[in-house]
All heavy atoms as atom14 arrays in JSON, in Angstrom:
{
  "sequence": "GMVLRLNKALYGLKQAPRAWNAKLDLELCRLGFKKSEEEHAVYR",
  "atom14_mask": [
    [1, 1, 1, 1, 0, 0, 0, 0, 0, 0, 0, 0, 0, 0],
    [1, 1, 1, 1, 1, 1, 1, 1, 0, 0, 0, 0, 0, 0],
    [1, 1, 1, 1, 1, 1, 1, 0, 0, 0, 0, 0, 0, 0],
    [1, 1, 1, 1, 1, 1, 1, 1, 0, 0, 0, 0, 0, 0],
    [1, 1, 1, 1, 1, 1, 1, 1, 1, 1, 1, 0, 0, 0],
    [1, 1, 1, 1, 1, 1, 1, 1, 0, 0, 0, 0, 0, 0],
    [1, 1, 1, 1, 1, 1, 1, 1, 0, 0, 0, 0, 0, 0],
    [1, 1, 1, 1, 1, 1, 1, 1, 1, 0, 0, 0, 0, 0],
    [1, 1, 1, 1, 1, 0, 0, 0, 0, 0, 0, 0, 0, 0],
    [1, 1, 1, 1, 1, 1, 1, 1, 0, 0, 0, 0, 0, 0],
    [1, 1, 1, 1, 1, 1, 1, 1, 1, 1, 1, 1, 0, 0],
    [1, 1, 1, 1, 0, 0, 0, 0, 0, 0, 0, 0, 0, 0],
    [1, 1, 1, 1, 1, 1, 1, 1, 0, 0, 0, 0, 0, 0],
    [1, 1, 1, 1, 1, 1, 1, 1, 1, 0, 0, 0, 0, 0],
    [1, 1, 1, 1, 1, 1, 1, 1, 1, 0, 0, 0, 0, 0],
    [1, 1, 1, 1, 1, 0, 0, 0, 0, 0, 0, 0, 0, 0],
    [1, 1, 1, 1, 1, 1, 1, 0, 0, 0, 0, 0, 0, 0],
    [1, 1, 1, 1, 1, 1, 1, 1, 1, 1, 1, 0, 0, 0],
    [1, 1, 1, 1, 1, 0, 0, 0, 0, 0, 0, 0, 0, 0],
    [1, 1, 1, 1, 1, 1, 1, 1, 1, 1, 1, 1, 1, 1],
    [1, 1, 1, 1, 1, 1, 1, 1, 0, 0, 0, 0, 0, 0],
    [1, 1, 1, 1, 1, 0, 0, 0, 0, 0, 0, 0, 0, 0],
    [1, 1, 1, 1, 1, 1, 1, 1, 1, 0, 0, 0, 0, 0],
    [1, 1, 1, 1, 1, 1, 1, 1, 0, 0, 0, 0, 0, 0],
    [1, 1, 1, 1, 1, 1, 1, 1, 0, 0, 0, 0, 0, 0],
    [1, 1, 1, 1, 1, 1, 1, 1, 0, 0, 0, 0, 0, 0],
    [1, 1, 1, 1, 1, 1, 1, 1, 1, 0, 0, 0, 0, 0],
    [1, 1, 1, 1, 1, 1, 1, 1, 0, 0, 0, 0, 0, 0],
    [1, 1, 1, 1, 1, 1, 0, 0, 0, 0, 0, 0, 0, 0],
    [1, 1, 1, 1, 1, 1, 1, 1, 1, 1, 1, 0, 0, 0],
    [1, 1, 1, 1, 1, 1, 1, 1, 0, 0, 0, 0, 0, 0],
    [1, 1, 1, 1, 0, 0, 0, 0, 0, 0, 0, 0, 0, 0],
    [1, 1, 1, 1, 1, 1, 1, 1, 1, 1, 1, 0, 0, 0],
    [1, 1, 1, 1, 1, 1, 1, 1, 1, 0, 0, 0, 0, 0],
    [1, 1, 1, 1, 1, 1, 1, 1, 1, 0, 0, 0, 0, 0],
    [1, 1, 1, 1, 1, 1, 0, 0, 0, 0, 0, 0, 0, 0],
    [1, 1, 1, 1, 1, 1, 1, 1, 1, 0, 0, 0, 0, 0],
    [1, 1, 1, 1, 1, 1, 1, 1, 1, 0, 0, 0, 0, 0],
    [1, 1, 1, 1, 1, 1, 1, 1, 1, 0, 0, 0, 0, 0],
    [1, 1, 1, 1, 1, 1, 1, 1, 1, 1, 0, 0, 0, 0],
    [1, 1, 1, 1, 1, 0, 0, 0, 0, 0, 0, 0, 0, 0],
    [1, 1, 1, 1, 1, 1, 1, 0, 0, 0, 0, 0, 0, 0],
    [1, 1, 1, 1, 1, 1, 1, 1, 1, 1, 1, 1, 0, 0],
    [1, 1, 1, 1, 1, 1, 1, 1, 1, 1, 1, 0, 0, 0]
  ],
  "atom14_positions": [
    [[14.52, -101.02, 18.92], [15.73, -100.73, 18.06], [15.69, -99.4, 17.35], [16.65, -99.1, 16.64], [0.0, 0.0, 0.0], [0.0, 0.0, 0.0], [0.0, 0.0, 0.0], [0.0, 0.0, 0.0], [0.0, 0.0, 0.0], [0.0, 0.0, 0.0], [0.0, 0.0, 0.0], [0.0, 0.0, 0.0], [0.0, 0.0, 0.0], [0.0, 0.0, 0.0]],
    [[14.66, -98.67, 17.48], [14.53, -97.26, 16.66], [15.29, -96.3, 17.62], [15.49, -96.45, 18.71], [13.05, -96.86, 16.57], [12.18, -97.93, 15.74], [12.47, -97.79, 14.09], [11.61, -96.35, 13.66], [0.0, 0.0, 0.0], [0.0, 0.0, 0.0], [0.0, 0.0, 0.0], [0.0, 0.0, 0.0], [0.0, 0.0, 0.0], [0.0, 0.0, 0.0]],
    [[15.64, -95.2, 16.88], [16.38, -94.12, 17.58], [15.52, -92.77, 17.46], [14.42, -92.85, 16.69], [17.67, -93.81, 16.85], [18.57, -95.0, 17.1], [17.54, -93.49, 15.39], [0.0, 0.0, 0.0], [0.0, 0.0, 0.0], [0.0, 0.0, 0.0], [0.0, 0.0, 0.0], [0.0, 0.0, 0.0], [0.0, 0.0, 0.0], [0.0, 0.0, 0.0]],
    [[15.78, -91.89, 18.3], [15.01, -90.58, 18.3], [15.95, -89.5, 17.81], [17.06, -89.45, 18.15], [14.58, -90.36, 19.77], [13.78, -91.4, 20.43], [13.57, -91.14, 21.89], [12.37, -91.54, 19.73], [0.0, 0.0, 0.0], [0.0, 0.0, 0.0], [0.0, 0.0, 0.0], [0.0, 0.0, 0.0], [0.0, 0.0, 0.0], [0.0, 0.0, 0.0]],
    [[15.34, -88.49, 17.06], [16.15, -87.34, 16.65], [15.86, -86.25, 17.64], [14.74, -85.9, 18.09], [15.64, -86.82, 15.33], [16.44, -85.72, 14.76], [15.99, -85.23, 13.41], [16.63, -84.04, 13.1], [16.38, -83.27, 12.07], [15.33, -83.54, 11.38], [17.07, -82.2, 11.84], [0.0, 0.0, 0.0], [0.0, 0.0, 0.0], [0.0, 0.0, 0.0]],
    [[16.89, -85.67, 18.06], [16.9, -84.54, 19.14], [16.56, -83.15, 18.28], [17.17, -82.92, 17.36], [18.29, -84.42, 19.8], [18.59, -85.6, 20.79], [19.97, -85.24, 21.41], [17.45, -85.9, 21.85], [0.0, 0.0, 0.0], [0.0, 0.0, 0.0], [0.0, 0.0, 0.0], [0.0, 0.0, 0.0], [0.0, 0.0, 0.0], [0.0, 0.0, 0.0]],
    [[15.72, -82.42, 19.06], [15.41, -81.12, 18.48], [16.25, -80.01, 19.32], [16.53, -78.99, 18.84], [14.01, -80.7, 18.53], [13.13, -81.58, 17.62], [13.57, -81.86, 16.43], [11.99, -81.96, 18.08], [0.0, 0.0, 0.0], [0.0, 0.0, 0.0], [0.0, 0.0, 0.0], [0.0, 0.0, 0.0], [0.0, 0.0, 0.0], [0.0, 0.0, 0.0]],
    [[16.52, -80.44, 20.56], [17.28, -79.54, 21.47], [18.34, -80.23, 22.14], [18.46, -81.54, 22.11], [16.37, -79.14, 22.64], [15.17, -78.26, 22.22], [15.61, -76.79, 22.23], [14.54, -75.83, 21.97], [14.97, -74.51, 22.01], [0.0, 0.0, 0.0], [0.0, 0.0, 0.0], [0.0, 0.0, 0.0], [0.0, 0.0, 0.0], [0.0, 0.0, 0.0]],
    [[19.3, -79.59, 22.61], [20.46, -80.18, 23.22], [20.24, -80.9, 24.5], [19.26, -80.43, 25.2], [21.62, -79.11, 23.49], [0.0, 0.0, 0.0], [0.0, 0.0, 0.0], [0.0, 0.0, 0.0], [0.0, 0.0, 0.0], [0.0, 0.0, 0.0], [0.0, 0.0, 0.0], [0.0, 0.0, 0.0], [0.0, 0.0, 0.0], [0.0, 0.0, 0.0]],
    [[20.99, -81.79, 24.99], [20.89, -82.57, 26.14], [22.13, -82.45, 26.84], [23.21, -82.27, 26.34], [20.51, -84.01, 25.99], [19.23, -84.38, 25.5], [19.12, -85.84, 25.2], [18.02, -83.84, 26.33], [0.0, 0.0, 0.0], [0.0, 0.0, 0.0], [0.0, 0.0, 0.0], [0.0, 0.0, 0.0], [0.0, 0.0, 0.0], [0.0, 0.0, 0.0]],
    [[22.18, -82.46, 28.29], [23.44, -82.57, 28.99], [24.24, -83.82, 28.62], [23.67, -84.86, 28.37], [23.07, -82.64, 30.5], [22.74, -81.35, 31.14], [21.37, -80.81, 31.18], [23.73, -80.35, 31.51], [21.12, -79.61, 31.73], [23.33, -79.11, 31.99], [22.09, -78.83, 32.13], [21.76, -77.59, 32.54], [0.0, 0.0, 0.0], [0.0, 0.0, 0.0]],
    [[25.54, -83.68, 28.47], [26.38, -84.76, 28.07], [26.63, -84.78, 26.65], [27.58, -85.41, 26.15], [0.0, 0.0, 0.0], [0.0, 0.0, 0.0], [0.0, 0.0, 0.0], [0.0, 0.0, 0.0], [0.0, 0.0, 0.0], [0.0, 0.0, 0.0], [0.0, 0.0, 0.0], [0.0, 0.0, 0.0], [0.0, 0.0, 0.0], [0.0, 0.0, 0.0]],
    [[25.82, -84.08, 25.9], [26.01, -84.01, 24.38], [27.2, -83.18, 24.09], [27.21, -82.03, 24.59], [24.7, -83.47, 23.7], [24.6, -83.66, 22.21], [24.6, -85.12, 21.79], [23.32, -82.93, 21.77], [0.0, 0.0, 0.0], [0.0, 0.0, 0.0], [0.0, 0.0, 0.0], [0.0, 0.0, 0.0], [0.0, 0.0, 0.0], [0.0, 0.0, 0.0]],
    [[28.26, -83.51, 23.25], [29.34, -82.67, 23.12], [28.92, -81.28, 22.38], [29.73, -80.34, 22.64], [30.39, -83.32, 22.26], [30.15, -83.56, 20.84], [31.31, -84.36, 20.2], [31.08, -84.42, 18.68], [32.15, -84.93, 17.99], [0.0, 0.0, 0.0], [0.0, 0.0, 0.0], [0.0, 0.0, 0.0], [0.0, 0.0, 0.0], [0.0, 0.0, 0.0]],
    [[27.95, -81.24, 21.57], [27.55, -79.94, 20.98], [26.79, -79.01, 21.95], [26.51, -77.91, 21.58], [26.56, -80.3, 19.79], [27.23, -81.1, 18.79], [26.91, -82.57, 18.88], [26.79, -83.1, 19.93], [26.8, -83.25, 17.8], [0.0, 0.0, 0.0], [0.0, 0.0, 0.0], [0.0, 0.0, 0.0], [0.0, 0.0, 0.0], [0.0, 0.0, 0.0]],
    [[26.32, -79.52, 23.15], [25.48, -78.76, 23.97], [26.0, -77.48, 24.49], [25.26, -76.49, 24.36], [25.02, -79.64, 25.19], [0.0, 0.0, 0.0], [0.0, 0.0, 0.0], [0.0, 0.0, 0.0], [0.0, 0.0, 0.0], [0.0, 0.0, 0.0], [0.0, 0.0, 0.0], [0.0, 0.0, 0.0], [0.0, 0.0, 0.0], [0.0, 0.0, 0.0]],
    [[27.29, -77.43, 24.98], [27.78, -76.07, 25.4], [27.79, -75.05, 24.35], [27.52, -73.88, 24.42], [29.06, -76.37, 26.04], [29.13, -77.81, 26.34], [28.17, -78.5, 25.36], [0.0, 0.0, 0.0], [0.0, 0.0, 0.0], [0.0, 0.0, 0.0], [0.0, 0.0, 0.0], [0.0, 0.0, 0.0], [0.0, 0.0, 0.0], [0.0, 0.0, 0.0]],
    [[28.25, -75.48, 23.19], [28.31, -74.58, 21.98], [27.06, -74.13, 21.55], [26.69, -72.93, 21.29], [29.07, -75.24, 20.86], [29.24, -74.39, 19.62], [30.1, -75.01, 18.53], [30.58, -76.43, 18.74], [30.0, -77.39, 18.07], [29.06, -77.21, 17.2], [30.4, -78.64, 18.4], [0.0, 0.0, 0.0], [0.0, 0.0, 0.0], [0.0, 0.0, 0.0]],
    [[26.0, -75.04, 21.55], [24.63, -74.56, 21.13], [23.98, -73.52, 22.15], [23.28, -72.79, 21.75], [23.67, -75.95, 21.07], [0.0, 0.0, 0.0], [0.0, 0.0, 0.0], [0.0, 0.0, 0.0], [0.0, 0.0, 0.0], [0.0, 0.0, 0.0], [0.0, 0.0, 0.0], [0.0, 0.0, 0.0], [0.0, 0.0, 0.0], [0.0, 0.0, 0.0]],
    [[24.33, -73.95, 23.46], [23.78, -72.96, 24.49], [24.41, -71.53, 24.3], [23.72, -70.56, 24.34], [24.05, -73.43, 25.94], [24.09, -72.36, 26.87], [25.2, -72.05, 27.7], [23.06, -71.37, 27.28], [24.75, -70.95, 28.54], [23.46, -70.58, 28.29], [21.69, -71.24, 26.79], [22.74, -69.5, 28.78], [20.96, -70.21, 27.24], [21.46, -69.38, 28.24]],
    [[25.7, -71.52, 23.99], [26.42, -70.24, 23.97], [25.93, -69.52, 22.69], [25.84, -68.27, 22.81], [27.95, -70.42, 23.89], [28.61, -69.1, 23.79], [28.97, -68.57, 22.76], [28.93, -68.66, 25.0], [0.0, 0.0, 0.0], [0.0, 0.0, 0.0], [0.0, 0.0, 0.0], [0.0, 0.0, 0.0], [0.0, 0.0, 0.0], [0.0, 0.0, 0.0]],
    [[25.62, -70.2, 21.61], [25.1, -69.63, 20.46], [23.72, -69.03, 20.58], [23.42, -67.94, 20.18], [25.15, -70.69, 19.23], [0.0, 0.0, 0.0], [0.0, 0.0, 0.0], [0.0, 0.0, 0.0], [0.0, 0.0, 0.0], [0.0, 0.0, 0.0], [0.0, 0.0, 0.0], [0.0, 0.0, 0.0], [0.0, 0.0, 0.0], [0.0, 0.0, 0.0]],
    [[22.91, -69.75, 21.41], [21.59, -69.25, 21.68], [21.65, -67.88, 22.6], [20.91, -66.97, 22.3], [20.86, -70.36, 22.43], [19.5, -69.99, 22.88], [18.49, -69.9, 21.86], [16.99, -69.86, 22.26], [16.06, -69.9, 21.23], [0.0, 0.0, 0.0], [0.0, 0.0, 0.0], [0.0, 0.0, 0.0], [0.0, 0.0, 0.0], [0.0, 0.0, 0.0]],
    [[22.43, -68.0, 23.67], [22.59, -66.84, 24.48], [23.07, -65.61, 23.74], [22.67, -64.51, 23.84], [23.47, -67.09, 25.62], [23.67, -65.96, 26.55], [22.4, -65.52, 27.29], [24.7, -66.43, 27.71], [0.0, 0.0, 0.0], [0.0, 0.0, 0.0], [0.0, 0.0, 0.0], [0.0, 0.0, 0.0], [0.0, 0.0, 0.0], [0.0, 0.0, 0.0]],
    [[24.11, -65.87, 22.77], [24.79, -64.81, 21.99], [23.67, -64.26, 21.18], [23.56, -62.96, 21.04], [25.89, -65.36, 21.17], [26.53, -64.34, 20.31], [27.24, -63.41, 20.79], [26.25, -64.45, 18.94], [0.0, 0.0, 0.0], [0.0, 0.0, 0.0], [0.0, 0.0, 0.0], [0.0, 0.0, 0.0], [0.0, 0.0, 0.0], [0.0, 0.0, 0.0]],
    [[22.83, -65.01, 20.42], [21.75, -64.62, 19.57], [20.85, -63.71, 20.39], [20.38, -62.57, 19.88], [21.1, -65.75, 18.95], [19.83, -65.43, 18.08], [20.33, -64.82, 16.77], [19.05, -66.63, 17.82], [0.0, 0.0, 0.0], [0.0, 0.0, 0.0], [0.0, 0.0, 0.0], [0.0, 0.0, 0.0], [0.0, 0.0, 0.0], [0.0, 0.0, 0.0]],
    [[20.37, -64.14, 21.42], [19.32, -63.37, 22.29], [19.92, -62.01, 22.76], [19.28, -61.08, 22.83], [18.73, -64.36, 23.36], [17.97, -65.44, 22.91], [16.83, -65.18, 22.03], [16.3, -64.0, 21.96], [16.43, -66.05, 21.25], [0.0, 0.0, 0.0], [0.0, 0.0, 0.0], [0.0, 0.0, 0.0], [0.0, 0.0, 0.0], [0.0, 0.0, 0.0]],
    [[21.23, -62.08, 23.3], [21.79, -60.77, 23.78], [21.91, -59.81, 22.64], [21.67, -58.61, 22.79], [23.1, -61.02, 24.47], [23.07, -61.75, 25.78], [24.54, -62.11, 26.27], [22.37, -60.74, 26.72], [0.0, 0.0, 0.0], [0.0, 0.0, 0.0], [0.0, 0.0, 0.0], [0.0, 0.0, 0.0], [0.0, 0.0, 0.0], [0.0, 0.0, 0.0]],
    [[22.27, -60.29, 21.43], [22.41, -59.41, 20.33], [21.06, -58.89, 19.87], [20.89, -57.64, 19.55], [22.99, -60.14, 19.04], [24.86, -60.44, 19.39], [0.0, 0.0, 0.0], [0.0, 0.0, 0.0], [0.0, 0.0, 0.0], [0.0, 0.0, 0.0], [0.0, 0.0, 0.0], [0.0, 0.0, 0.0], [0.0, 0.0, 0.0], [0.0, 0.0, 0.0]],
    [[20.06, -59.65, 19.99], [18.61, -59.25, 19.65], [18.16, -58.11, 20.72], [17.38, -57.32, 20.35], [17.64, -60.33, 19.74], [17.56, -61.21, 18.63], [16.64, -62.34, 18.61], [16.65, -63.19, 17.5], [16.05, -64.35, 17.41], [15.33, -64.9, 18.47], [16.12, -65.02, 16.23], [0.0, 0.0, 0.0], [0.0, 0.0, 0.0], [0.0, 0.0, 0.0]],
    [[18.74, -58.18, 21.8], [18.39, -57.23, 22.85], [19.3, -55.95, 22.87], [19.13, -55.1, 23.64], [18.48, -57.78, 24.32], [17.53, -58.86, 24.65], [17.77, -59.52, 26.04], [16.04, -58.32, 24.72], [0.0, 0.0, 0.0], [0.0, 0.0, 0.0], [0.0, 0.0, 0.0], [0.0, 0.0, 0.0], [0.0, 0.0, 0.0], [0.0, 0.0, 0.0]],
    [[20.06, -55.83, 21.79], [20.88, -54.68, 21.6], [22.27, -54.69, 22.08], [22.97, -53.66, 22.17], [0.0, 0.0, 0.0], [0.0, 0.0, 0.0], [0.0, 0.0, 0.0], [0.0, 0.0, 0.0], [0.0, 0.0, 0.0], [0.0, 0.0, 0.0], [0.0, 0.0, 0.0], [0.0, 0.0, 0.0], [0.0, 0.0, 0.0], [0.0, 0.0, 0.0]],
    [[22.74, -55.85, 22.49], [24.11, -55.97, 23.0], [25.1, -56.24, 21.94], [24.76, -56.95, 21.0], [24.18, -56.99, 24.07], [23.55, -56.62, 25.41], [22.2, -56.71, 25.63], [24.32, -56.09, 26.43], [21.6, -56.27, 26.79], [23.76, -55.59, 27.65], [22.41, -55.78, 27.72], [0.0, 0.0, 0.0], [0.0, 0.0, 0.0], [0.0, 0.0, 0.0]],
    [[26.3, -55.9, 22.1], [27.34, -56.19, 21.22], [28.5, -56.92, 21.97], [28.87, -56.49, 23.01], [27.96, -54.92, 20.56], [29.0, -55.15, 19.54], [29.42, -53.74, 18.94], [30.46, -54.04, 17.96], [31.11, -52.93, 17.45], [0.0, 0.0, 0.0], [0.0, 0.0, 0.0], [0.0, 0.0, 0.0], [0.0, 0.0, 0.0], [0.0, 0.0, 0.0]],
    [[29.06, -57.88, 21.4], [30.01, -58.78, 21.94], [31.38, -58.06, 21.95], [31.67, -57.38, 20.8], [30.17, -60.09, 21.27], [31.17, -61.04, 21.96], [31.4, -62.28, 21.18], [30.25, -63.21, 21.2], [30.49, -64.58, 20.63], [0.0, 0.0, 0.0], [0.0, 0.0, 0.0], [0.0, 0.0, 0.0], [0.0, 0.0, 0.0], [0.0, 0.0, 0.0]],
    [[32.19, -57.99, 22.93], [33.38, -57.48, 22.99], [34.32, -58.01, 22.08], [34.39, -59.25, 22.05], [34.02, -57.34, 24.4], [35.36, -57.07, 24.43], [0.0, 0.0, 0.0], [0.0, 0.0, 0.0], [0.0, 0.0, 0.0], [0.0, 0.0, 0.0], [0.0, 0.0, 0.0], [0.0, 0.0, 0.0], [0.0, 0.0, 0.0], [0.0, 0.0, 0.0]],
    [[35.11, -57.35, 21.22], [36.02, -57.89, 20.41], [37.3, -58.47, 21.18], [37.97, -59.36, 20.73], [36.56, -56.83, 19.31], [35.5, -56.46, 18.4], [35.89, -55.46, 17.39], [37.04, -55.26, 17.16], [35.06, -54.82, 16.78], [0.0, 0.0, 0.0], [0.0, 0.0, 0.0], [0.0, 0.0, 0.0], [0.0, 0.0, 0.0], [0.0, 0.0, 0.0]],
    [[37.63, -57.86, 22.29], [38.73, -58.32, 23.17], [38.44, -59.47, 24.05], [39.25, -60.34, 24.24], [39.18, -57.2, 23.98], [39.81, -56.0, 23.29], [38.88, -55.04, 22.59], [37.7, -55.0, 23.12], [39.17, -54.36, 21.69], [0.0, 0.0, 0.0], [0.0, 0.0, 0.0], [0.0, 0.0, 0.0], [0.0, 0.0, 0.0], [0.0, 0.0, 0.0]],
    [[37.15, -59.57, 24.57], [36.81, -60.6, 25.47], [35.39, -61.13, 25.05], [34.39, -60.44, 25.27], [36.82, -60.03, 26.93], [36.31, -60.97, 27.92], [37.17, -62.33, 27.98], [38.3, -62.27, 28.15], [36.44, -63.35, 27.67], [0.0, 0.0, 0.0], [0.0, 0.0, 0.0], [0.0, 0.0, 0.0], [0.0, 0.0, 0.0], [0.0, 0.0, 0.0]],
    [[35.39, -62.25, 24.5], [34.16, -62.76, 23.96], [33.07, -63.23, 24.96], [32.0, -63.68, 24.66], [34.36, -64.04, 23.03], [35.2, -63.55, 21.82], [34.77, -62.79, 20.79], [36.49, -63.66, 21.42], [35.61, -62.56, 19.87], [36.75, -63.08, 20.3], [0.0, 0.0, 0.0], [0.0, 0.0, 0.0], [0.0, 0.0, 0.0], [0.0, 0.0, 0.0]],
    [[33.4, -63.14, 26.21], [32.44, -63.45, 27.3], [31.85, -62.14, 27.87], [31.08, -62.18, 28.89], [33.03, -64.31, 28.31], [0.0, 0.0, 0.0], [0.0, 0.0, 0.0], [0.0, 0.0, 0.0], [0.0, 0.0, 0.0], [0.0, 0.0, 0.0], [0.0, 0.0, 0.0], [0.0, 0.0, 0.0], [0.0, 0.0, 0.0], [0.0, 0.0, 0.0]],
    [[32.08, -61.09, 27.2], [31.55, -59.7, 27.73], [30.79, -59.08, 26.63], [31.17, -59.03, 25.43], [32.73, -58.84, 28.12], [32.17, -57.46, 28.54], [33.51, -59.48, 29.28], [0.0, 0.0, 0.0], [0.0, 0.0, 0.0], [0.0, 0.0, 0.0], [0.0, 0.0, 0.0], [0.0, 0.0, 0.0], [0.0, 0.0, 0.0], [0.0, 0.0, 0.0]],
    [[29.62, -58.63, 26.96], [28.62, -57.91, 26.12], [28.38, -56.55, 26.68], [28.37, -56.36, 27.9], [27.3, -58.61, 26.02], [27.45, -60.01, 25.3], [27.93, -61.07, 25.86], [27.11, -60.24, 23.97], [28.07, -62.3, 25.34], [27.19, -61.36, 23.28], [27.73, -62.46, 23.98], [27.87, -63.64, 23.4], [0.0, 0.0, 0.0], [0.0, 0.0, 0.0]],
    [[28.19, -55.62, 25.72], [27.83, -54.22, 26.14], [26.75, -53.62, 25.34], [26.74, -53.83, 24.07], [29.03, -53.36, 26.01], [28.79, -51.87, 26.41], [30.13, -50.91, 26.11], [29.72, -49.63, 26.29], [30.12, -48.81, 27.08], [31.04, -49.23, 27.99], [29.8, -47.58, 27.31], [0.0, 0.0, 0.0], [0.0, 0.0, 0.0], [0.0, 0.0, 0.0]]
  ]
}
């Protein structure tokens, strides 16, 4: 009857895609990329 607390996202979790996108955004910015203001799926 006990539950488990998640530390990482799982497939099927509604927060998972947003959490993945935030992680990728963070890492690309750390590598010196800047997100396009016109198209948020493009980095330069």
